[in-house]
N, C-alpha and C. Protein backbone atom coordinates (compact mmCIF):
# COMPACT_ATOMS: atom_id res chain seq x y z
N PRO A 1 -208.95 71.61 -133.31
CA PRO A 1 -208.91 70.52 -132.33
C PRO A 1 -207.82 70.77 -131.29
N ASP A 2 -208.00 70.14 -130.14
CA ASP A 2 -206.98 70.21 -129.10
C ASP A 2 -205.77 69.42 -129.54
N VAL A 3 -204.60 70.05 -129.43
CA VAL A 3 -203.36 69.40 -129.85
C VAL A 3 -202.39 69.42 -128.68
N GLY A 4 -201.80 68.27 -128.36
CA GLY A 4 -200.75 68.17 -127.37
C GLY A 4 -199.58 67.48 -128.02
N GLU A 5 -198.39 67.79 -127.59
CA GLU A 5 -197.21 67.21 -128.22
C GLU A 5 -196.25 66.66 -127.19
N GLY A 6 -195.48 65.66 -127.60
CA GLY A 6 -194.39 65.12 -126.80
C GLY A 6 -193.19 64.98 -127.71
N SER A 7 -192.02 65.05 -127.16
CA SER A 7 -190.83 64.97 -127.98
C SER A 7 -189.67 64.50 -127.15
N ARG A 8 -188.51 64.44 -127.78
CA ARG A 8 -187.31 64.06 -127.06
C ARG A 8 -187.05 65.02 -125.90
N GLU A 9 -187.47 66.25 -126.04
CA GLU A 9 -187.24 67.23 -124.98
C GLU A 9 -188.27 67.14 -123.88
N GLY A 10 -189.33 66.39 -124.08
CA GLY A 10 -190.30 66.19 -123.03
C GLY A 10 -191.48 67.16 -123.06
N GLY A 11 -191.30 68.36 -123.57
CA GLY A 11 -192.39 69.31 -123.64
C GLY A 11 -192.87 69.76 -122.27
N SER A 12 -193.87 70.58 -122.24
CA SER A 12 -194.44 71.08 -120.99
C SER A 12 -195.50 70.12 -120.50
N SER A 13 -195.47 69.78 -119.21
CA SER A 13 -196.47 68.87 -118.68
C SER A 13 -197.85 69.51 -118.73
N ALA A 14 -197.93 70.84 -118.67
CA ALA A 14 -199.23 71.51 -118.74
C ALA A 14 -199.87 71.33 -120.11
N ALA A 15 -199.07 71.16 -121.16
CA ALA A 15 -199.59 71.02 -122.52
C ALA A 15 -199.90 69.58 -122.88
N ARG A 16 -199.57 68.64 -121.99
CA ARG A 16 -199.75 67.24 -122.31
C ARG A 16 -201.17 66.77 -122.02
N PRO A 17 -201.80 66.14 -123.00
CA PRO A 17 -203.11 65.56 -122.73
C PRO A 17 -202.94 64.30 -121.87
N SER A 18 -204.01 63.88 -121.25
CA SER A 18 -203.95 62.62 -120.52
C SER A 18 -204.99 61.69 -121.10
N GLY A 19 -204.66 60.44 -121.10
CA GLY A 19 -205.55 59.42 -121.65
C GLY A 19 -204.81 58.11 -121.67
N LEU A 20 -205.45 57.10 -122.19
CA LEU A 20 -204.83 55.79 -122.31
C LEU A 20 -204.90 55.35 -123.76
N TRP A 21 -203.73 55.23 -124.35
CA TRP A 21 -203.61 54.73 -125.71
C TRP A 21 -202.89 53.40 -125.62
N HIS A 22 -203.58 52.33 -125.92
CA HIS A 22 -203.09 50.98 -125.67
C HIS A 22 -201.72 50.71 -126.31
N THR A 23 -201.57 50.86 -127.59
CA THR A 23 -200.31 50.51 -128.25
C THR A 23 -199.17 51.45 -127.86
N PRO A 24 -199.35 52.78 -127.89
CA PRO A 24 -198.25 53.66 -127.47
C PRO A 24 -197.83 53.46 -126.02
N ALA A 25 -198.69 52.90 -125.19
CA ALA A 25 -198.33 52.66 -123.78
C ALA A 25 -197.16 51.68 -123.67
N PHE A 26 -196.89 50.93 -124.71
CA PHE A 26 -195.79 49.97 -124.70
C PHE A 26 -194.47 50.57 -125.17
N ILE A 27 -194.46 51.84 -125.57
CA ILE A 27 -193.24 52.47 -126.05
C ILE A 27 -192.36 52.84 -124.86
N ASN A 28 -191.16 52.34 -124.84
CA ASN A 28 -190.23 52.54 -123.74
C ASN A 28 -189.44 53.83 -123.89
N HIS A 29 -188.63 54.11 -122.85
CA HIS A 29 -187.82 55.32 -122.77
C HIS A 29 -186.39 55.09 -123.24
N ALA A 30 -185.84 56.09 -123.87
CA ALA A 30 -184.40 56.25 -124.08
C ALA A 30 -184.15 57.74 -124.04
N CYS A 31 -183.05 58.15 -123.45
CA CYS A 31 -182.77 59.59 -123.30
C CYS A 31 -182.60 60.28 -124.64
N VAL A 32 -182.22 59.55 -125.64
CA VAL A 32 -182.23 60.06 -127.01
C VAL A 32 -183.20 59.14 -127.77
N GLY A 33 -184.47 59.51 -127.73
CA GLY A 33 -185.50 58.70 -128.37
C GLY A 33 -185.42 58.79 -129.88
N ASN A 34 -186.16 57.91 -130.53
CA ASN A 34 -186.20 57.94 -132.00
C ASN A 34 -187.60 58.27 -132.51
N ALA A 35 -188.50 58.67 -131.59
CA ALA A 35 -189.87 58.99 -131.98
C ALA A 35 -190.42 60.10 -131.10
N SER A 36 -191.44 60.76 -131.59
CA SER A 36 -192.18 61.76 -130.82
C SER A 36 -193.67 61.50 -131.03
N TRP A 37 -194.49 62.21 -130.29
CA TRP A 37 -195.93 62.00 -130.41
C TRP A 37 -196.67 63.33 -130.41
N ALA A 38 -197.87 63.29 -130.94
CA ALA A 38 -198.79 64.43 -130.90
C ALA A 38 -200.20 63.87 -130.78
N CYS A 39 -201.05 64.57 -130.03
CA CYS A 39 -202.45 64.18 -129.92
C CYS A 39 -203.30 65.23 -130.60
N ILE A 40 -204.21 64.75 -131.42
CA ILE A 40 -205.18 65.61 -132.08
C ILE A 40 -206.53 65.06 -131.66
N GLY A 41 -207.18 65.79 -130.75
CA GLY A 41 -208.40 65.26 -130.16
C GLY A 41 -208.06 64.01 -129.37
N ASP A 42 -208.71 62.90 -129.70
CA ASP A 42 -208.44 61.66 -128.98
C ASP A 42 -207.57 60.69 -129.78
N VAL A 43 -206.89 61.20 -130.80
CA VAL A 43 -206.01 60.38 -131.64
C VAL A 43 -204.55 60.72 -131.34
N MET A 44 -203.73 59.72 -131.02
CA MET A 44 -202.31 59.93 -130.82
C MET A 44 -201.57 59.51 -132.09
N VAL A 45 -200.73 60.41 -132.58
CA VAL A 45 -199.91 60.13 -133.76
C VAL A 45 -198.46 60.02 -133.30
N VAL A 46 -197.81 58.91 -133.63
CA VAL A 46 -196.40 58.69 -133.31
C VAL A 46 -195.60 58.83 -134.59
N SER A 47 -194.55 59.66 -134.55
CA SER A 47 -193.71 59.90 -135.72
C SER A 47 -192.26 59.64 -135.38
N SER A 48 -191.50 59.14 -136.34
CA SER A 48 -190.07 58.95 -136.11
C SER A 48 -189.36 60.29 -136.22
N VAL A 49 -188.32 60.47 -135.40
CA VAL A 49 -187.49 61.67 -135.48
C VAL A 49 -186.09 61.30 -135.95
N ALA A 50 -185.89 60.02 -136.18
CA ALA A 50 -184.62 59.48 -136.67
C ALA A 50 -184.95 58.17 -137.38
N PRO A 51 -184.09 57.73 -138.28
CA PRO A 51 -184.35 56.44 -138.93
C PRO A 51 -184.45 55.32 -137.88
N ILE A 52 -185.44 54.46 -138.04
CA ILE A 52 -185.63 53.32 -137.15
C ILE A 52 -185.49 52.06 -137.99
N PRO A 53 -184.40 51.34 -137.82
CA PRO A 53 -184.20 50.12 -138.61
C PRO A 53 -185.29 49.08 -138.34
N LYS A 54 -185.56 48.26 -139.32
CA LYS A 54 -186.52 47.18 -139.16
C LYS A 54 -186.13 46.33 -137.95
N GLY A 55 -187.09 46.07 -137.09
CA GLY A 55 -186.85 45.26 -135.91
C GLY A 55 -186.36 46.03 -134.70
N ALA A 56 -186.00 47.32 -134.86
CA ALA A 56 -185.52 48.13 -133.73
C ALA A 56 -186.72 48.61 -132.91
N GLU A 57 -186.47 48.90 -131.65
CA GLU A 57 -187.51 49.37 -130.75
C GLU A 57 -187.79 50.85 -130.99
N VAL A 58 -189.07 51.22 -130.96
CA VAL A 58 -189.48 52.63 -131.02
C VAL A 58 -189.38 53.15 -129.59
N LEU A 59 -188.72 54.32 -129.41
CA LEU A 59 -188.42 54.85 -128.08
C LEU A 59 -188.76 56.32 -127.97
N PHE A 60 -189.41 56.71 -126.87
CA PHE A 60 -189.67 58.11 -126.53
C PHE A 60 -188.69 58.53 -125.46
N CYS A 61 -188.37 59.81 -125.40
CA CYS A 61 -187.68 60.37 -124.25
C CYS A 61 -188.77 60.87 -123.31
N TYR A 62 -188.82 60.32 -122.10
CA TYR A 62 -189.87 60.66 -121.14
C TYR A 62 -189.63 61.97 -120.40
N GLY A 63 -188.47 62.57 -120.54
CA GLY A 63 -188.17 63.78 -119.78
C GLY A 63 -187.21 64.67 -120.51
N PRO A 64 -186.52 65.55 -119.77
CA PRO A 64 -185.55 66.44 -120.41
C PRO A 64 -184.53 65.65 -121.23
N GLY A 65 -184.03 66.25 -122.28
CA GLY A 65 -183.12 65.58 -123.20
C GLY A 65 -181.77 65.22 -122.61
N ALA A 66 -180.96 64.59 -123.42
CA ALA A 66 -179.66 64.07 -123.01
C ALA A 66 -178.70 65.15 -122.56
N ASP A 67 -178.97 66.41 -122.92
CA ASP A 67 -178.08 67.49 -122.52
C ASP A 67 -178.35 67.98 -121.09
N MET A 68 -179.30 67.36 -120.40
CA MET A 68 -179.65 67.73 -119.02
C MET A 68 -179.64 66.47 -118.14
N PRO A 69 -178.48 65.86 -117.93
CA PRO A 69 -178.46 64.55 -117.27
C PRO A 69 -179.01 64.53 -115.85
N TYR A 70 -178.68 65.51 -115.02
CA TYR A 70 -179.17 65.49 -113.63
C TYR A 70 -180.68 65.65 -113.60
N GLU A 71 -181.20 66.64 -114.33
CA GLU A 71 -182.64 66.89 -114.36
C GLU A 71 -183.38 65.69 -114.91
N ARG A 72 -182.83 65.10 -115.96
CA ARG A 72 -183.47 63.95 -116.59
C ARG A 72 -183.55 62.79 -115.62
N ARG A 73 -182.43 62.45 -114.97
CA ARG A 73 -182.42 61.31 -114.04
C ARG A 73 -183.37 61.55 -112.87
N THR A 74 -183.38 62.78 -112.35
CA THR A 74 -184.26 63.12 -111.23
C THR A 74 -185.72 62.96 -111.63
N GLN A 75 -186.07 63.47 -112.80
CA GLN A 75 -187.46 63.38 -113.27
C GLN A 75 -187.86 61.94 -113.54
N LEU A 76 -186.99 61.18 -114.16
CA LEU A 76 -187.33 59.79 -114.47
C LEU A 76 -187.56 58.98 -113.19
N LEU A 77 -186.71 59.18 -112.20
CA LEU A 77 -186.86 58.45 -110.95
C LEU A 77 -188.11 58.91 -110.19
N GLY A 78 -188.30 60.23 -110.10
CA GLY A 78 -189.44 60.75 -109.36
C GLY A 78 -190.79 60.53 -110.04
N ASN A 79 -190.85 60.76 -111.34
CA ASN A 79 -192.14 60.69 -112.06
C ASN A 79 -192.45 59.30 -112.60
N TRP A 80 -191.42 58.57 -112.98
CA TRP A 80 -191.66 57.29 -113.65
C TRP A 80 -191.19 56.10 -112.82
N GLY A 81 -190.41 56.35 -111.77
CA GLY A 81 -190.03 55.28 -110.86
C GLY A 81 -188.94 54.35 -111.34
N PHE A 82 -188.06 54.84 -112.22
CA PHE A 82 -186.95 54.00 -112.66
C PHE A 82 -185.70 54.83 -112.89
N ALA A 83 -184.57 54.18 -112.74
CA ALA A 83 -183.28 54.77 -113.07
C ALA A 83 -182.93 54.32 -114.48
N CYS A 84 -182.75 55.25 -115.37
CA CYS A 84 -182.49 54.92 -116.77
C CYS A 84 -181.12 54.26 -116.94
N ARG A 85 -181.10 53.28 -117.81
CA ARG A 85 -179.85 52.60 -118.14
C ARG A 85 -179.67 52.53 -119.66
N CYS A 86 -180.17 53.56 -120.35
CA CYS A 86 -179.99 53.61 -121.80
C CYS A 86 -178.52 53.87 -122.11
N GLU A 87 -178.17 53.82 -123.36
CA GLU A 87 -176.77 54.00 -123.78
C GLU A 87 -176.21 55.33 -123.32
N VAL A 88 -176.98 56.41 -123.43
CA VAL A 88 -176.51 57.73 -123.02
C VAL A 88 -176.21 57.75 -121.53
N CYS A 89 -177.12 57.22 -120.71
CA CYS A 89 -176.90 57.23 -119.24
C CYS A 89 -175.73 56.35 -118.85
N ARG A 90 -175.57 55.21 -119.50
CA ARG A 90 -174.42 54.35 -119.18
C ARG A 90 -173.12 55.06 -119.50
N LYS A 91 -173.06 55.78 -120.61
CA LYS A 91 -171.85 56.52 -120.97
C LYS A 91 -171.60 57.66 -120.01
N GLN A 92 -172.66 58.41 -119.64
CA GLN A 92 -172.49 59.52 -118.69
C GLN A 92 -172.07 59.01 -117.32
N ALA A 93 -172.59 57.88 -116.90
CA ALA A 93 -172.23 57.32 -115.58
C ALA A 93 -170.77 56.89 -115.56
N ALA A 94 -170.21 56.54 -116.70
CA ALA A 94 -168.82 56.09 -116.76
C ALA A 94 -167.83 57.25 -116.74
N LEU A 95 -168.31 58.49 -116.96
CA LEU A 95 -167.43 59.66 -116.96
C LEU A 95 -167.04 60.02 -115.53
N PRO A 96 -165.80 60.47 -115.33
CA PRO A 96 -165.41 60.92 -113.99
C PRO A 96 -166.15 62.21 -113.63
N ASP A 97 -166.39 62.42 -112.35
CA ASP A 97 -167.11 63.63 -111.89
C ASP A 97 -166.29 64.88 -112.04
C-alpha cells in the first residue's frame, strides 16, 4: 500500500499524501509536537511520540523541528498563515539576538 508519513521533523512534502481526514484536521501545531502520523492507503494513523497526559492536546509539528527556528517560522507563516506562539517559540523569541 501507499504509505506517507509525518513527524515532528515535518518529512518531505513530496512524500506527503493529500486528502481530508476530519478528526486529524483538528490537531494543532506545536514546534515540539507529541504525535506523528502515517497514511496507509486512505487510512491515517496518529501515534504519540511522547506521553500525552489525560486531557492534554494532541499536537503535530507542521514544519521543521525546534532546532531550525528561522526555517520553521518562515514555513509556518508562508505555508500555514500563522506565527507560532508555542512554548518553544516564546522561549526562543525571549533570547537576545
